[in-house]
Amino acid sequence: MKNNFGKIVTIFLILFLIPVYGWSQQGDNGQSEEQEETTVEELFLQSVEMRIIGEQAFDDNRSSKLSALDNLEELVEEGQVTAGDAEATYILDRLSSEGIGVQLRENGRLINNFPEVRRRASELLGKIGGESAKDTLINVLLSDDEPMVLAEAVYALGEMAADNENNQMTQAISFSILNQDIMTPDQNFAYAALLSIEKLAEHNNGLNDPSIYRALIRISQGNYISTVQDKAQEVLRTLMSY
């Protein structure tokens, strides 16, 4: 990203790469039984269905990850994944950082930059909701640089209508807006951010974060189409009414 705050550092997820060892107690003969190796995802993903989806999600292949998202979406639509579901959120957290927080390289070339995977993961996190989903979406806004992913993540935060504790959500949203290229900002992201701000204000009976007002003014006076500028002015008037 163009701001030092948004620079991405390759993260090797130790949780996924280092096995967890389970030691058994020693028998009467004083010798320990054979060690068992269990990966963190095996410990965490208890249901067979989620284990299968997890295998798809953690596979290096893009199509496998999309299949995992298809299966999770189906479970969400069928009501089999409840709000704040820990297993689903665990998988989606990983998928939301493919190519950004989790980077795989081959001969120095990044091979897992999958914006569509990150976008769909953000969308499902918004539908599932919960504190962990909120934290992941905030991280997406602070670390991703793909406009369509940012638009989905910011809209998802508004859909969750979560409490804006310590202005975490509004600061992340305003950071993303203010970090947009001044000359060629993304119109879709800006409009999605405005809808999210509007919903957060309604849920929290107004917003007291100064950074949001700066972001709204940036949009209302910046290089945006009239539809987006008019919406920014409308949201400003709404915030002033609380």
Protein backbone atom coordinates (compact mmCIF):
# COMPACT_ATOMS: atom_id res chain seq x y z
CA MET A 1 0.00 0.00 0.00
CA LYS A 2 1.12 3.58 -0.40
CA ASN A 3 1.18 4.29 3.31
CA ASN A 4 3.81 2.91 5.69
CA PHE A 5 1.00 1.78 7.97
CA GLY A 6 -0.28 -0.49 5.21
CA LYS A 7 2.98 -2.15 4.11
CA ILE A 8 2.67 -5.88 3.88
CA VAL A 9 5.23 -8.18 5.42
CA THR A 10 5.23 -11.83 4.46
CA ILE A 11 3.87 -13.83 7.35
CA PHE A 12 4.70 -17.46 7.66
CA LEU A 13 1.79 -18.81 9.65
CA ILE A 14 3.47 -20.91 12.29
CA LEU A 15 0.10 -22.26 13.35
CA PHE A 16 -0.23 -23.95 9.97
CA LEU A 17 3.36 -25.02 9.50
CA ILE A 18 4.49 -26.37 12.84
CA PRO A 19 2.85 -29.56 14.13
CA VAL A 20 1.58 -29.80 17.66
CA TYR A 21 2.87 -32.81 19.50
CA GLY A 22 0.74 -34.85 21.83
CA TRP A 23 2.78 -36.76 24.40
CA SER A 24 1.26 -39.81 26.06
CA GLN A 25 2.02 -40.86 29.60
CA GLN A 26 4.72 -43.45 30.20
CA GLY A 27 3.69 -47.06 30.73
CA ASP A 28 4.72 -49.38 33.56
CA ASN A 29 7.90 -50.34 31.73
CA GLY A 30 9.10 -46.72 31.90
CA GLN A 31 9.02 -46.23 28.11
CA SER A 32 6.73 -43.66 26.47
CA GLU A 33 4.35 -44.67 23.73
CA GLU A 34 4.86 -43.45 20.18
CA GLN A 35 4.34 -39.70 19.75
CA GLU A 36 1.30 -38.48 17.88
CA GLU A 37 1.51 -35.53 15.52
CA THR A 38 -1.62 -33.42 15.19
CA THR A 39 -1.84 -30.22 13.19
CA VAL A 40 -3.61 -27.21 14.68
CA GLU A 41 -6.40 -27.37 12.10
CA GLU A 42 -7.05 -31.02 13.01
CA LEU A 43 -7.38 -30.04 16.66
CA PHE A 44 -9.59 -27.08 15.88
CA LEU A 45 -11.83 -28.38 13.09
CA GLN A 46 -13.75 -31.05 14.97
CA SER A 47 -16.63 -31.73 12.59
CA VAL A 48 -15.96 -33.96 9.59
CA GLU A 49 -17.65 -31.46 7.27
CA MET A 50 -15.45 -28.60 8.42
CA ARG A 51 -12.35 -30.80 8.25
CA ILE A 52 -13.08 -31.46 4.57
CA ILE A 53 -13.72 -27.78 3.88
CA GLY A 54 -10.55 -26.96 5.78
CA GLU A 55 -8.51 -29.31 3.59
CA GLN A 56 -9.89 -27.55 0.52
CA ALA A 57 -9.21 -24.10 1.98
CA PHE A 58 -5.62 -24.85 3.00
CA ASP A 59 -4.74 -26.49 -0.31
CA ASP A 60 -2.44 -24.38 -2.49
CA ASN A 61 -4.76 -24.64 -5.49
CA ARG A 62 -7.04 -21.67 -6.21
CA SER A 63 -9.93 -23.84 -7.39
CA SER A 64 -9.81 -25.84 -4.14
CA LYS A 65 -10.10 -22.64 -2.13
CA LEU A 66 -13.07 -21.51 -4.23
CA SER A 67 -14.70 -24.89 -3.66
CA ALA A 68 -14.26 -24.40 0.09
CA LEU A 69 -15.98 -21.03 -0.20
CA ASP A 70 -18.81 -22.57 -2.24
CA ASN A 71 -19.36 -25.20 0.45
CA LEU A 72 -19.24 -22.66 3.27
CA GLU A 73 -21.66 -20.38 1.46
CA GLU A 74 -24.07 -23.28 1.05
CA LEU A 75 -23.88 -24.04 4.78
CA VAL A 76 -24.52 -20.39 5.62
CA GLU A 77 -27.53 -20.20 3.31
CA GLU A 78 -28.93 -23.41 4.79
CA GLY A 79 -28.54 -22.05 8.31
CA GLN A 80 -26.04 -24.73 9.32
CA VAL A 81 -23.44 -22.12 10.24
CA THR A 82 -24.59 -20.00 13.15
CA ALA A 83 -23.54 -16.44 13.96
CA GLY A 84 -19.94 -16.24 15.09
CA ASP A 85 -19.25 -19.90 14.17
CA ALA A 86 -15.66 -20.47 15.32
CA GLU A 87 -14.73 -23.17 12.79
CA ALA A 88 -16.05 -21.26 9.78
CA THR A 89 -14.41 -18.04 10.96
CA TYR A 90 -11.11 -19.87 11.44
CA ILE A 91 -11.16 -21.02 7.82
CA LEU A 92 -12.33 -17.69 6.42
CA ASP A 93 -9.69 -15.78 8.37
CA ARG A 94 -7.03 -17.78 6.52
CA LEU A 95 -8.70 -17.36 3.13
CA SER A 96 -9.10 -13.60 3.64
CA SER A 97 -5.32 -13.21 3.75
CA GLU A 98 -4.32 -15.33 0.74
CA GLY A 99 -1.50 -13.53 -1.04
CA ILE A 100 -1.34 -10.76 1.57
CA GLY A 101 -0.76 -12.08 5.08
CA VAL A 102 -0.14 -15.61 3.83
CA GLN A 103 2.30 -15.57 0.93
CA LEU A 104 3.57 -18.58 -1.00
CA ARG A 105 6.46 -18.03 -3.38
CA GLU A 106 8.00 -20.14 -6.09
CA ASN A 107 11.38 -18.99 -7.41
CA GLY A 108 10.70 -15.64 -5.77
CA ARG A 109 7.33 -15.22 -7.50
CA LEU A 110 4.14 -14.85 -5.47
CA ILE A 111 1.86 -17.73 -6.48
CA ASN A 112 -1.16 -17.33 -4.19
CA ASN A 113 -2.38 -13.81 -4.85
CA PHE A 114 -6.10 -14.64 -5.16
CA PRO A 115 -8.20 -11.45 -4.79
CA GLU A 116 -11.45 -13.26 -5.59
CA VAL A 117 -10.79 -15.72 -2.75
CA ARG A 118 -10.18 -12.83 -0.34
CA ARG A 119 -13.28 -10.98 -1.58
CA ARG A 120 -15.60 -13.94 -1.10
CA ALA A 121 -14.09 -14.74 2.29
CA SER A 122 -14.81 -11.16 3.39
CA GLU A 123 -18.38 -11.43 2.15
CA LEU A 124 -19.01 -14.62 4.15
CA LEU A 125 -17.39 -13.18 7.27
CA GLY A 126 -19.93 -10.37 7.13
CA LYS A 127 -22.77 -12.88 6.88
CA ILE A 128 -21.49 -14.98 9.78
CA GLY A 129 -20.62 -12.05 12.03
CA GLY A 130 -19.09 -12.22 15.48
CA GLU A 131 -16.12 -10.56 17.18
CA SER A 132 -13.49 -12.65 15.36
CA ALA A 133 -15.08 -11.91 11.99
CA LYS A 134 -15.06 -8.21 12.80
CA ASP A 135 -11.36 -8.30 13.71
CA THR A 136 -10.51 -10.13 10.48
CA LEU A 137 -12.43 -7.64 8.35
CA ILE A 138 -10.70 -4.74 10.05
CA ASN A 139 -7.37 -6.40 9.30
CA VAL A 140 -8.40 -6.73 5.64
CA LEU A 141 -9.09 -2.99 5.46
CA LEU A 142 -5.71 -2.18 6.98
CA SER A 143 -3.63 -4.59 4.91
CA ASP A 144 -5.22 -5.34 1.54
CA ASP A 145 -4.71 -3.17 -1.53
CA GLU A 146 -7.23 -4.70 -3.94
CA PRO A 147 -10.23 -2.36 -4.39
CA MET A 148 -12.82 -5.11 -4.87
CA VAL A 149 -11.64 -6.85 -1.69
CA LEU A 150 -11.70 -3.60 0.26
CA ALA A 151 -15.20 -2.79 -1.02
CA GLU A 152 -16.51 -6.18 0.09
CA ALA A 153 -14.81 -5.96 3.49
CA VAL A 154 -16.05 -2.47 4.28
CA TYR A 155 -19.59 -3.34 3.23
CA ALA A 156 -19.47 -6.50 5.33
CA LEU A 157 -18.61 -4.47 8.43
CA GLY A 158 -21.71 -2.37 7.91
CA GLU A 159 -23.84 -5.46 7.36
CA MET A 160 -22.68 -6.86 10.69
CA ALA A 161 -23.85 -3.70 12.47
CA ALA A 162 -21.30 -4.49 15.17
CA ASP A 163 -20.54 -2.12 18.02
CA ASN A 164 -17.85 0.41 17.12
CA GLU A 165 -15.88 -0.21 20.32
CA ASN A 166 -13.01 2.28 20.72
CA ASN A 167 -13.77 3.47 17.18
CA GLN A 168 -11.99 0.39 15.80
CA MET A 169 -14.29 0.02 12.83
CA THR A 170 -14.55 3.68 11.90
CA GLN A 171 -10.78 4.19 12.16
CA ALA A 172 -10.17 1.26 9.83
CA ILE A 173 -12.78 2.56 7.38
CA SER A 174 -11.43 6.10 7.41
CA PHE A 175 -7.86 4.83 7.02
CA SER A 176 -8.90 2.91 3.90
CA ILE A 177 -10.68 5.93 2.44
CA LEU A 178 -7.84 8.36 3.16
CA ASN A 179 -5.32 5.86 1.79
CA GLN A 180 -6.99 5.80 -1.63
CA ASP A 181 -5.15 7.35 -4.56
CA ILE A 182 -6.25 10.99 -4.65
CA MET A 183 -6.25 11.19 -8.44
CA THR A 184 -7.84 7.81 -9.22
CA PRO A 185 -9.80 6.63 -6.18
CA ASP A 186 -12.01 3.58 -6.51
CA GLN A 187 -15.64 4.68 -6.84
CA ASN A 188 -17.19 1.35 -5.82
CA PHE A 189 -15.13 1.12 -2.67
CA ALA A 190 -16.02 4.69 -1.70
CA TYR A 191 -19.75 4.07 -2.14
CA ALA A 192 -19.57 0.80 -0.18
CA ALA A 193 -17.73 2.64 2.60
CA LEU A 194 -20.44 5.31 2.70
CA LEU A 195 -23.17 2.68 3.06
CA SER A 196 -21.21 1.05 5.87
CA ILE A 197 -20.70 4.35 7.70
CA GLU A 198 -24.41 5.06 7.38
CA LYS A 199 -25.33 1.70 8.95
CA LEU A 200 -22.77 2.03 11.73
CA ALA A 201 -24.10 5.47 12.62
CA GLU A 202 -27.64 4.12 12.75
CA HIS A 203 -26.61 1.19 14.94
CA ASN A 204 -24.48 3.27 17.31
CA ASN A 205 -26.75 6.32 17.44
CA GLY A 206 -24.19 8.46 15.66
CA LEU A 207 -20.40 8.42 15.37
CA ASN A 208 -17.89 10.49 17.33
CA ASP A 209 -14.73 9.57 15.44
CA PRO A 210 -13.16 12.70 13.85
CA SER A 211 -11.35 10.60 11.25
CA ILE A 212 -14.68 9.57 9.73
CA TYR A 213 -15.62 13.20 9.16
CA ARG A 214 -12.27 13.82 7.46
CA ALA A 215 -12.85 10.80 5.24
CA LEU A 216 -16.36 11.93 4.33
CA ILE A 217 -15.14 15.40 3.44
CA ARG A 218 -12.39 13.85 1.33
CA ILE A 219 -15.00 11.96 -0.67
CA SER A 220 -17.44 14.88 -0.95
CA GLN A 221 -14.73 17.16 -2.31
CA GLY A 222 -12.44 14.66 -3.99
CA ASN A 223 -12.10 13.18 -7.44
CA TYR A 224 -15.30 11.14 -7.26
CA ILE A 225 -18.33 10.97 -9.51
CA SER A 226 -21.33 13.08 -8.52
CA THR A 227 -23.32 10.08 -7.25
CA VAL A 228 -20.59 9.24 -4.73
CA GLN A 229 -20.04 12.88 -3.74
CA ASP A 230 -23.77 13.42 -3.19
CA LYS A 231 -23.94 10.28 -1.03
CA ALA A 232 -21.02 11.53 1.08
CA GLN A 233 -22.79 14.84 1.67
CA GLU A 234 -25.97 12.96 2.59
CA VAL A 235 -24.11 10.84 5.14
CA LEU A 236 -22.49 13.96 6.61
CA ARG A 237 -25.91 15.55 7.09
CA THR A 238 -27.17 12.35 8.69
CA LEU A 239 -24.28 12.27 11.18
CA MET A 240 -24.91 15.89 12.10
CA SER A 241 -28.52 15.05 12.92
CA TYR A 242 -27.63 12.71 15.80
